[in-house]
């Protein structure tokens, strides 16, 4: 009764942004098809974000499989407060649909776990946490500008992500690899950043 509908996005100005990208489910057509459900989507700014910076960020996550045996990514929406001219902090977000019942996130997060050996229960895990605004972001903006402590995402989301991972097994993802996006432009132009 309260589910989102395709019509809620019609002329809203927002893309139906996948939380689990279809490109991450290429092992079968059924898996790929299962990403095209509205429960896997949130309203995302299209040009400059979902179709640009966010898509490059998703590709960065996929490229981590070249370095790590096991890569897990948790993605979700956030509704973060901002300070108003009166000095008070408030959470304010748009709602789309008819009736208006689909909340537009102010931000999105990704938490990335990279394990060099998934078989070793004591192996170290490279962790990265990123929070990006649901807004157009220039492709020249460094990905590391959005890096935050995992605990910041835990506080903002109300979810625990690393409470069972001992501190001595954790290492910082962006200290292990070059955290940057690969910008692919049409017309055979591309700027690439490699994982080292």
Foldseek 3Di string as FASTA:
>chain_A
DQADDPQQCVVPQFDFAFQCALVNQPPDPVSSVVSPDSVRTATFRDPQDRVFPVVLLVVVQVQLVVQAVDKDKGKDAFQAWDADPVRDTDGDFDFTGVVGRGTHGQKMKMWMWGFRDPPDPQAAIAIWIFIGGRDRDPLVDFRVVGTDPPVVVCVRVVDDDCPPPDPVRYDHNCVQWPRHGKGDDPPPDTDDDDTD
